[in-house]
C-alpha atoms as a PDB file:
ATOM      1  CA  MET A   1      11.132 -29.958  51.273  1.00  0.00           C
ATOM      2  CA  PRO A   2      13.148 -26.747  51.165  1.00  0.00           C
ATOM      3  CA  ALA A   3      11.924 -23.463  51.000  1.00  0.00           C
ATOM      4  CA  THR A   4      11.507 -22.231  46.935  1.00  0.00           C
ATOM      5  CA  ALA A   5      13.613 -18.582  47.674  1.00  0.00           C
ATOM      6  CA  SER A   6      11.229 -15.467  46.816  1.00  0.00           C
ATOM      7  CA  PRO A   7      11.830 -13.357  43.513  1.00  0.00           C
ATOM      8  CA  THR A   8      13.747  -9.721  44.606  1.00  0.00           C
ATOM      9  CA  THR A   9      13.915  -6.783  43.342  1.00  0.00           C
ATOM     10  CA  SER A  10      16.713  -5.392  42.124  1.00  0.00           C
ATOM     11  CA  SER A  11      15.768  -2.297  40.690  1.00  0.00           C
ATOM     12  CA  VAL A  12      13.043  -0.227  40.424  1.00  0.00           C
ATOM     13  CA  LEU A  13      12.549   2.763  37.433  1.00  0.00           C
ATOM     14  CA  THR A  14       9.386   5.813  37.665  1.00  0.00           C
ATOM     15  CA  ALA A  15       8.332   6.629  34.534  1.00  0.00           C
ATOM     16  CA  ARG A  16       5.011   8.598  33.416  1.00  0.00           C
ATOM     17  CA  GLY A  17       4.475   6.632  30.139  1.00  0.00           C
ATOM     18  CA  LEU A  18       6.312   3.289  28.409  1.00  0.00           C
ATOM     19  CA  LEU A  19       7.417   3.084  25.021  1.00  0.00           C
ATOM     20  CA  LEU A  20       7.453  -0.208  23.711  1.00  0.00           C
ATOM     21  CA  ASP A  21       9.584  -2.301  20.711  1.00  0.00           C
ATOM     22  CA  MET A  22       7.984  -5.328  19.683  1.00  0.00           C
ATOM     23  CA  ASP A  23       9.854  -7.812  18.237  1.00  0.00           C
ATOM     24  CA  GLY A  24      12.389  -9.212  20.869  1.00  0.00           C
ATOM     25  CA  THR A  25      10.520  -7.639  23.250  1.00  0.00           C
ATOM     26  CA  LEU A  26       6.699  -8.392  23.091  1.00  0.00           C
ATOM     27  CA  VAL A  27       6.583 -10.806  20.860  1.00  0.00           C
ATOM     28  CA  ASN A  28       9.160 -13.517  19.769  1.00  0.00           C
ATOM     29  CA  SER A  29       9.524 -13.509  16.241  1.00  0.00           C
ATOM     30  CA  ASP A  30      13.173 -14.953  15.485  1.00  0.00           C
ATOM     31  CA  ALA A  31      11.869 -17.576  13.932  1.00  0.00           C
ATOM     32  CA  SER A  32      10.151 -15.899  10.862  1.00  0.00           C
ATOM     33  CA  VAL A  33      13.324 -13.113  10.840  1.00  0.00           C
ATOM     34  CA  GLU A  34      15.520 -15.918  10.696  1.00  0.00           C
ATOM     35  CA  ARG A  35      13.826 -18.137   8.081  1.00  0.00           C
ATOM     36  CA  VAL A  36      13.103 -14.627   6.239  1.00  0.00           C
ATOM     37  CA  TRP A  37      16.605 -13.115   6.400  1.00  0.00           C
ATOM     38  CA  ARG A  38      18.505 -15.968   6.182  1.00  0.00           C
ATOM     39  CA  GLY A  39      17.232 -16.277   2.652  1.00  0.00           C
ATOM     40  CA  TRP A  40      17.581 -12.747   1.603  1.00  0.00           C
ATOM     41  CA  ALA A  41      21.376 -13.629   2.557  1.00  0.00           C
ATOM     42  CA  VAL A  42      21.993 -16.589   0.467  1.00  0.00           C
ATOM     43  CA  ASP A  43      20.361 -14.483  -2.059  1.00  0.00           C
ATOM     44  CA  HIS A  44      22.744 -11.681  -1.850  1.00  0.00           C
ATOM     45  CA  GLY A  45      25.882 -13.816  -1.413  1.00  0.00           C
ATOM     46  CA  LEU A  46      26.308 -13.120   2.398  1.00  0.00           C
ATOM     47  CA  ASP A  47      27.053 -14.269   5.276  1.00  0.00           C
ATOM     48  CA  PRO A  48      23.606 -15.374   6.805  1.00  0.00           C
ATOM     49  CA  ASP A  49      25.194 -15.044  10.621  1.00  0.00           C
ATOM     50  CA  GLU A  50      26.676 -11.883   9.533  1.00  0.00           C
ATOM     51  CA  VAL A  51      23.661 -10.959   8.202  1.00  0.00           C
ATOM     52  CA  MET A  52      21.373 -11.996  11.638  1.00  0.00           C
ATOM     53  CA  LYS A  53      24.013  -9.865  13.195  1.00  0.00           C
ATOM     54  CA  VAL A  54      22.678  -7.044  12.315  1.00  0.00           C
ATOM     55  CA  VAL A  55      18.960  -7.321  11.322  1.00  0.00           C
ATOM     56  CA  HIS A  56      17.383  -7.196  14.776  1.00  0.00           C
ATOM     57  CA  GLY A  57      15.621  -3.608  15.253  1.00  0.00           C
ATOM     58  CA  ARG A  58      16.331  -1.554  12.199  1.00  0.00           C
ATOM     59  CA  GLN A  59      13.694  -1.007   9.570  1.00  0.00           C
ATOM     60  CA  GLY A  60      14.776  -3.555   6.724  1.00  0.00           C
ATOM     61  CA  TYR A  61      15.965  -0.980   4.633  1.00  0.00           C
ATOM     62  CA  ALA A  62      18.356  -0.085   6.801  1.00  0.00           C
ATOM     63  CA  THR A  63      19.759  -3.002   7.588  1.00  0.00           C
ATOM     64  CA  MET A  64      20.513  -3.577   3.505  1.00  0.00           C
ATOM     65  CA  ALA A  65      22.406  -0.006   3.738  1.00  0.00           C
ATOM     66  CA  VAL A  66      24.862  -1.103   6.231  1.00  0.00           C
ATOM     67  CA  LEU A  67      25.025  -4.699   4.495  1.00  0.00           C
ATOM     68  CA  LEU A  68      25.274  -3.594   1.215  1.00  0.00           C
ATOM     69  CA  PRO A  69      26.647  -0.163   1.458  1.00  0.00           C
ATOM     70  CA  GLU A  70      27.739   0.403  -2.284  1.00  0.00           C
ATOM     71  CA  ARG A  71      23.953  -0.453  -3.667  1.00  0.00           C
ATOM     72  CA  PRO A  72      21.436   2.439  -4.600  1.00  0.00           C
ATOM     73  CA  MET A  73      18.779   3.210  -1.967  1.00  0.00           C
ATOM     74  CA  GLU A  74      15.773   3.427  -4.510  1.00  0.00           C
ATOM     75  CA  LEU A  75      17.127  -0.644  -4.245  1.00  0.00           C
ATOM     76  CA  ASN A  76      17.115  -1.339  -0.714  1.00  0.00           C
ATOM     77  CA  TYR A  77      13.680   0.520  -1.033  1.00  0.00           C
ATOM     78  CA  ALA A  78      12.250  -2.031  -3.259  1.00  0.00           C
ATOM     79  CA  ASP A  79      13.402  -5.040  -1.788  1.00  0.00           C
ATOM     80  CA  ASN A  80      11.972  -3.705   1.392  1.00  0.00           C
ATOM     81  CA  ARG A  81       8.431  -4.312   0.459  1.00  0.00           C
ATOM     82  CA  VAL A  82       9.691  -7.394  -0.570  1.00  0.00           C
ATOM     83  CA  MET A  83      10.850  -8.620   2.244  1.00  0.00           C
ATOM     84  CA  LEU A  84       7.725  -6.961   4.375  1.00  0.00           C
ATOM     85  CA  ALA A  85       5.223  -8.956   2.637  1.00  0.00           C
ATOM     86  CA  ARG A  86       7.281 -12.341   3.391  1.00  0.00           C
ATOM     87  CA  GLU A  87       7.791 -11.253   7.211  1.00  0.00           C
ATOM     88  CA  THR A  88       4.014 -10.272   7.367  1.00  0.00           C
ATOM     89  CA  ALA A  89       2.856 -13.527   5.344  1.00  0.00           C
ATOM     90  CA  ASP A  90       5.237 -15.790   7.339  1.00  0.00           C
ATOM     91  CA  THR A  91       4.072 -15.856  11.833  1.00  0.00           C
ATOM     92  CA  GLU A  92       4.559 -19.447  11.904  1.00  0.00           C
ATOM     93  CA  GLY A  93       6.283 -19.918  15.434  1.00  0.00           C
ATOM     94  CA  VAL A  94       5.928 -15.881  16.356  1.00  0.00           C
ATOM     95  CA  VAL A  95       4.810 -16.593  19.911  1.00  0.00           C
ATOM     96  CA  PRO A  96       4.576 -14.418  22.605  1.00  0.00           C
ATOM     97  CA  VAL A  97       7.809 -13.485  25.029  1.00  0.00           C
ATOM     98  CA  PRO A  98       7.666 -15.072  28.226  1.00  0.00           C
ATOM     99  CA  GLY A  99       5.031 -12.775  30.764  1.00  0.00           C
ATOM    100  CA  ALA A 100       3.369 -10.380  28.018  1.00  0.00           C
ATOM    101  CA  PRO A 101       0.591 -11.370  27.789  1.00  0.00           C
ATOM    102  CA  ALA A 102       0.457 -10.114  31.904  1.00  0.00           C
ATOM    103  CA  PHE A 103       2.741  -7.130  31.277  1.00  0.00           C
ATOM    104  CA  MET A 104      -0.249  -6.088  28.734  1.00  0.00           C
ATOM    105  CA  ALA A 105      -2.822  -6.372  30.486  1.00  0.00           C
ATOM    106  CA  ALA A 106      -0.804  -4.570  33.597  1.00  0.00           C
ATOM    107  CA  ILE A 107      -0.512  -1.666  31.493  1.00  0.00           C
ATOM    108  CA  ALA A 108      -3.321  -1.734  29.885  1.00  0.00           C
ATOM    109  CA  ALA A 109      -5.145   1.535  31.617  1.00  0.00           C
ATOM    110  CA  LEU A 110      -1.584   3.258  31.693  1.00  0.00           C
ATOM    111  CA  PRO A 111       0.218   5.595  29.374  1.00  0.00           C
ATOM    112  CA  HIS A 112       1.885   3.282  26.563  1.00  0.00           C
ATOM    113  CA  ALA A 113       2.541   3.001  23.061  1.00  0.00           C
ATOM    114  CA  LEU A 114       4.668   1.109  20.662  1.00  0.00           C
ATOM    115  CA  VAL A 115       7.670   2.216  18.855  1.00  0.00           C
ATOM    116  CA  THR A 116       7.909  -0.700  16.038  1.00  0.00           C
ATOM    117  CA  SER A 117      10.453  -0.779  12.987  1.00  0.00           C
ATOM    118  CA  ALA A 118       7.570  -2.593  11.339  1.00  0.00           C
ATOM    119  CA  ASP A 119       4.881  -1.110   9.356  1.00  0.00           C
ATOM    120  CA  VAL A 120       1.712  -1.340  10.211  1.00  0.00           C
ATOM    121  CA  ALA A 121       0.837  -4.672   8.399  1.00  0.00           C
ATOM    122  CA  LEU A 122       3.389  -6.786  10.055  1.00  0.00           C
ATOM    123  CA  ALA A 123       2.786  -5.159  13.420  1.00  0.00           C
ATOM    124  CA  ASP A 124      -0.718  -6.278  13.135  1.00  0.00           C
ATOM    125  CA  ALA A 125       0.638  -9.489  11.942  1.00  0.00           C
ATOM    126  CA  ARG A 126       2.173 -10.061  14.799  1.00  0.00           C
ATOM    127  CA  MET A 127       0.579  -9.185  17.469  1.00  0.00           C
ATOM    128  CA  ALA A 128      -2.316 -10.868  16.457  1.00  0.00           C
ATOM    129  CA  ALA A 129      -0.256 -14.312  16.449  1.00  0.00           C
ATOM    130  CA  ALA A 130       0.959 -13.359  19.917  1.00  0.00           C
ATOM    131  CA  ASP A 131      -2.493 -13.224  20.750  1.00  0.00           C
ATOM    132  CA  LEU A 132      -1.533  -9.524  21.975  1.00  0.00           C
ATOM    133  CA  PRO A 133      -3.963  -6.332  22.531  1.00  0.00           C
ATOM    134  CA  MET A 134      -2.425  -3.836  20.108  1.00  0.00           C
ATOM    135  CA  PRO A 135      -1.831  -0.011  21.909  1.00  0.00           C
ATOM    136  CA  LYS A 136      -4.073   2.278  21.028  1.00  0.00           C
ATOM    137  CA  ILE A 137      -1.059   4.667  19.920  1.00  0.00           C
ATOM    138  CA  ARG A 138       1.744   3.044  17.429  1.00  0.00           C
ATOM    139  CA  VAL A 139       4.333   4.793  15.926  1.00  0.00           C
ATOM    140  CA  THR A 140       5.249   2.273  13.071  1.00  0.00           C
ATOM    141  CA  ALA A 141       7.537   2.309   9.607  1.00  0.00           C
ATOM    142  CA  GLU A 142       5.612   4.483   8.200  1.00  0.00           C
ATOM    143  CA  SER A 143       4.767   6.879  11.030  1.00  0.00           C
ATOM    144  CA  VAL A 144       8.877   8.234  10.514  1.00  0.00           C
ATOM    145  CA  THR A 145      11.674   8.685   7.911  1.00  0.00           C
ATOM    146  CA  ALA A 146      14.569   7.191   9.856  1.00  0.00           C
ATOM    147  CA  SER A 147      15.036   4.183  11.016  1.00  0.00           C
ATOM    148  CA  LYS A 148      16.701   2.666  14.334  1.00  0.00           C
ATOM    149  CA  PRO A 149      18.806   3.340  15.684  1.00  0.00           C
ATOM    150  CA  HIS A 150      17.669   7.311  14.681  1.00  0.00           C
ATOM    151  CA  PRO A 151      15.792   8.402  17.570  1.00  0.00           C
ATOM    152  CA  GLU A 152      12.435   9.485  15.883  1.00  0.00           C
ATOM    153  CA  GLY A 153      10.374   6.890  16.063  1.00  0.00           C
ATOM    154  CA  PHE A 154      11.018   6.700  20.079  1.00  0.00           C
ATOM    155  CA  LEU A 155      10.669  10.937  20.216  1.00  0.00           C
ATOM    156  CA  LYS A 156       7.277  10.577  18.710  1.00  0.00           C
ATOM    157  CA  GLY A 157       6.739   8.150  20.570  1.00  0.00           C
ATOM    158  CA  ALA A 158       6.257  10.230  23.441  1.00  0.00           C
ATOM    159  CA  GLU A 159       5.136  13.398  22.034  1.00  0.00           C
ATOM    160  CA  ALA A 160       2.040  10.995  21.050  1.00  0.00           C
ATOM    161  CA  LEU A 161       2.004  10.408  25.099  1.00  0.00           C
ATOM    162  CA  GLY A 162       2.605  14.144  25.481  1.00  0.00           C
ATOM    163  CA  LEU A 163       5.110  13.754  28.049  1.00  0.00           C
ATOM    164  CA  ALA A 164       9.051  14.684  27.518  1.00  0.00           C
ATOM    165  CA  PRO A 165      11.128  11.766  26.840  1.00  0.00           C
ATOM    166  CA  ALA A 166      12.864  11.733  30.308  1.00  0.00           C
ATOM    167  CA  ASP A 167       9.486  10.890  31.565  1.00  0.00           C
ATOM    168  CA  CYS A 168       9.862   7.698  29.262  1.00  0.00           C
ATOM    169  CA  VAL A 169      11.232   4.352  29.699  1.00  0.00           C
ATOM    170  CA  ALA A 170      11.614   2.578  26.547  1.00  0.00           C
ATOM    171  CA  PHE A 171      11.505  -1.478  26.643  1.00  0.00           C
ATOM    172  CA  GLU A 172      14.228  -2.193  23.906  1.00  0.00           C
ATOM    173  CA  ASP A 173      15.945  -6.015  22.499  1.00  0.00           C
ATOM    174  CA  SER A 174      18.586  -5.102  20.193  1.00  0.00           C
ATOM    175  CA  GLU A 175      21.663  -2.565  20.131  1.00  0.00           C
ATOM    176  CA  ALA A 176      19.466  -0.581  17.290  1.00  0.00           C
ATOM    177  CA  GLY A 177      16.973   0.259  19.364  1.00  0.00           C
ATOM    178  CA  ILE A 178      18.220   1.504  22.587  1.00  0.00           C
ATOM    179  CA  THR A 179      20.853   2.920  20.728  1.00  0.00           C
ATOM    180  CA  ALA A 180      17.613   4.881  19.774  1.00  0.00           C
ATOM    181  CA  ALA A 181      15.780   5.015  23.047  1.00  0.00           C
ATOM    182  CA  ARG A 182      19.281   6.332  24.811  1.00  0.00           C
ATOM    183  CA  ALA A 183      19.385   9.295  22.278  1.00  0.00           C
ATOM    184  CA  ALA A 184      15.763  10.127  22.413  1.00  0.00           C
ATOM    185  CA  GLY A 185      16.964  10.929  26.332  1.00  0.00           C
ATOM    186  CA  MET A 186      15.075   7.859  28.017  1.00  0.00           C
ATOM    187  CA  ARG A 187      15.626   5.150  30.080  1.00  0.00           C
ATOM    188  CA  VAL A 188      15.872   1.814  29.365  1.00  0.00           C
ATOM    189  CA  VAL A 189      15.143  -1.591  30.227  1.00  0.00           C
ATOM    190  CA  GLY A 190      16.456  -4.596  28.296  1.00  0.00           C
ATOM    191  CA  VAL A 191      14.959  -7.428  27.596  1.00  0.00           C
ATOM    192  CA  GLY A 192      16.699 -10.960  26.836  1.00  0.00           C
ATOM    193  CA  PRO A 193      20.153 -11.509  25.720  1.00  0.00           C
ATOM    194  CA  ARG A 194      20.544  -9.539  22.466  1.00  0.00           C
ATOM    195  CA  ALA A 195      20.407  -6.436  25.091  1.00  0.00           C
ATOM    196  CA  LYS A 196      22.281  -7.248  27.503  1.00  0.00           C
ATOM    197  CA  ALA A 197      25.623  -6.208  26.209  1.00  0.00           C
ATOM    198  CA  MET A 198      24.518  -2.691  25.691  1.00  0.00           C
ATOM    199  CA  SER A 199      23.863  -2.623  29.807  1.00  0.00           C
ATOM    200  CA  PRO A 200      20.328  -0.417  29.699  1.00  0.00           C
ATOM    201  CA  ASP A 201      19.464   0.859  33.068  1.00  0.00           C
ATOM    202  CA  ALA A 202      17.599  -2.585  34.022  1.00  0.00           C
ATOM    203  CA  HIS A 203      18.171  -5.884  32.082  1.00  0.00           C
ATOM    204  CA  VAL A 204      15.373  -8.653  32.559  1.00  0.00           C
ATOM    205  CA  GLU A 205      15.400 -12.033  30.912  1.00  0.00           C
ATOM    206  CA  ASP A 206      12.141 -11.794  29.822  1.00  0.00           C
ATOM    207  CA  LEU A 207       8.507  -9.941  30.950  1.00  0.00           C
ATOM    208  CA  THR A 208       8.567 -12.274  34.303  1.00  0.00           C
ATOM    209  CA  GLN A 209      10.068 -10.178  35.559  1.00  0.00           C
ATOM    210  CA  ILE A 210       9.037  -6.619  35.405  1.00  0.00           C
ATOM    211  CA  ARG A 211       5.800  -6.203  38.028  1.00  0.00           C
ATOM    212  CA  VAL A 212       3.680  -2.897  37.043  1.00  0.00           C
ATOM    213  CA  GLU A 213       2.617  -0.606  39.570  1.00  0.00           C
ATOM    214  CA  PRO A 214       0.460   2.407  39.358  1.00  0.00           C
ATOM    215  CA  THR A 215       1.490   5.490  41.350  1.00  0.00           C
ATOM    216  CA  ALA A 216      -0.986   8.000  43.457  1.00  0.00           C
ATOM    217  CA  GLU A 217       1.082  10.782  41.599  1.00  0.00           C
ATOM    218  CA  GLY A 218      -0.805   9.672  38.072  1.00  0.00           C
ATOM    219  CA  GLY A 219       2.807   7.840  37.938  1.00  0.00           C
ATOM    220  CA  ILE A 220       4.341   4.087  36.807  1.00  0.00           C
ATOM    221  CA  ARG A 221       6.671   2.291  39.025  1.00  0.00           C
ATOM    222  CA  LEU A 222       8.244  -1.110  37.099  1.00  0.00           C
ATOM    223  CA  TYR A 223       9.787  -2.770  40.052  1.00  0.00           C
ATOM    224  CA  VAL A 224      12.802  -5.548  37.981  1.00  0.00           C
ATOM    225  CA  THR A 225      13.362  -8.644  39.649  1.00  0.00           C
ATOM    226  CA  ALA A 226      16.122 -10.827  40.164  1.00  0.00           C
END
């Protein structure tokens, strides 16, 4: 029997804290997102495939503003509340990204925070559906005044950890999220196919390709394997 090749380390990143997106990064919620947002697209006479190119990473009202630029923002906010309720109720098919349970266990005692465009209810529902622990520090939709790709969420996450943005590594899957993390002055590990086109500092297909190691100086070393 031929020997199985062992994974090789393709890059190593060091940090003092980790900032984690949720959807597409820790949790695969694509099935729920597709059901809810494709329905919204049809209701508003939009091409569902074009809507799905925009929706990932942003808060709902921000997605609507991109797709319906002439629409009054108060209607987007009202629609957003409805969409959040629908997404929170629809957890069928919500599962952890491969490697997420082991990754969350590996960083449990290390400085980390969730930075998500979901609100508290949706974040709780999806993390529970994926059977993943909720980080003690989290920045949700209620915590910010501007949606990704604005950097506010990541800056607040770093502040909550007591760290400079440059000392943090963000994990993200979407164009909006990676743009936000970069604007905050952070290095980025891109997770999944949507992230690859953004040329993040390191890219993985899923979290099985990440190994986490605390350093003697109190930092974090991330080994990215191919």
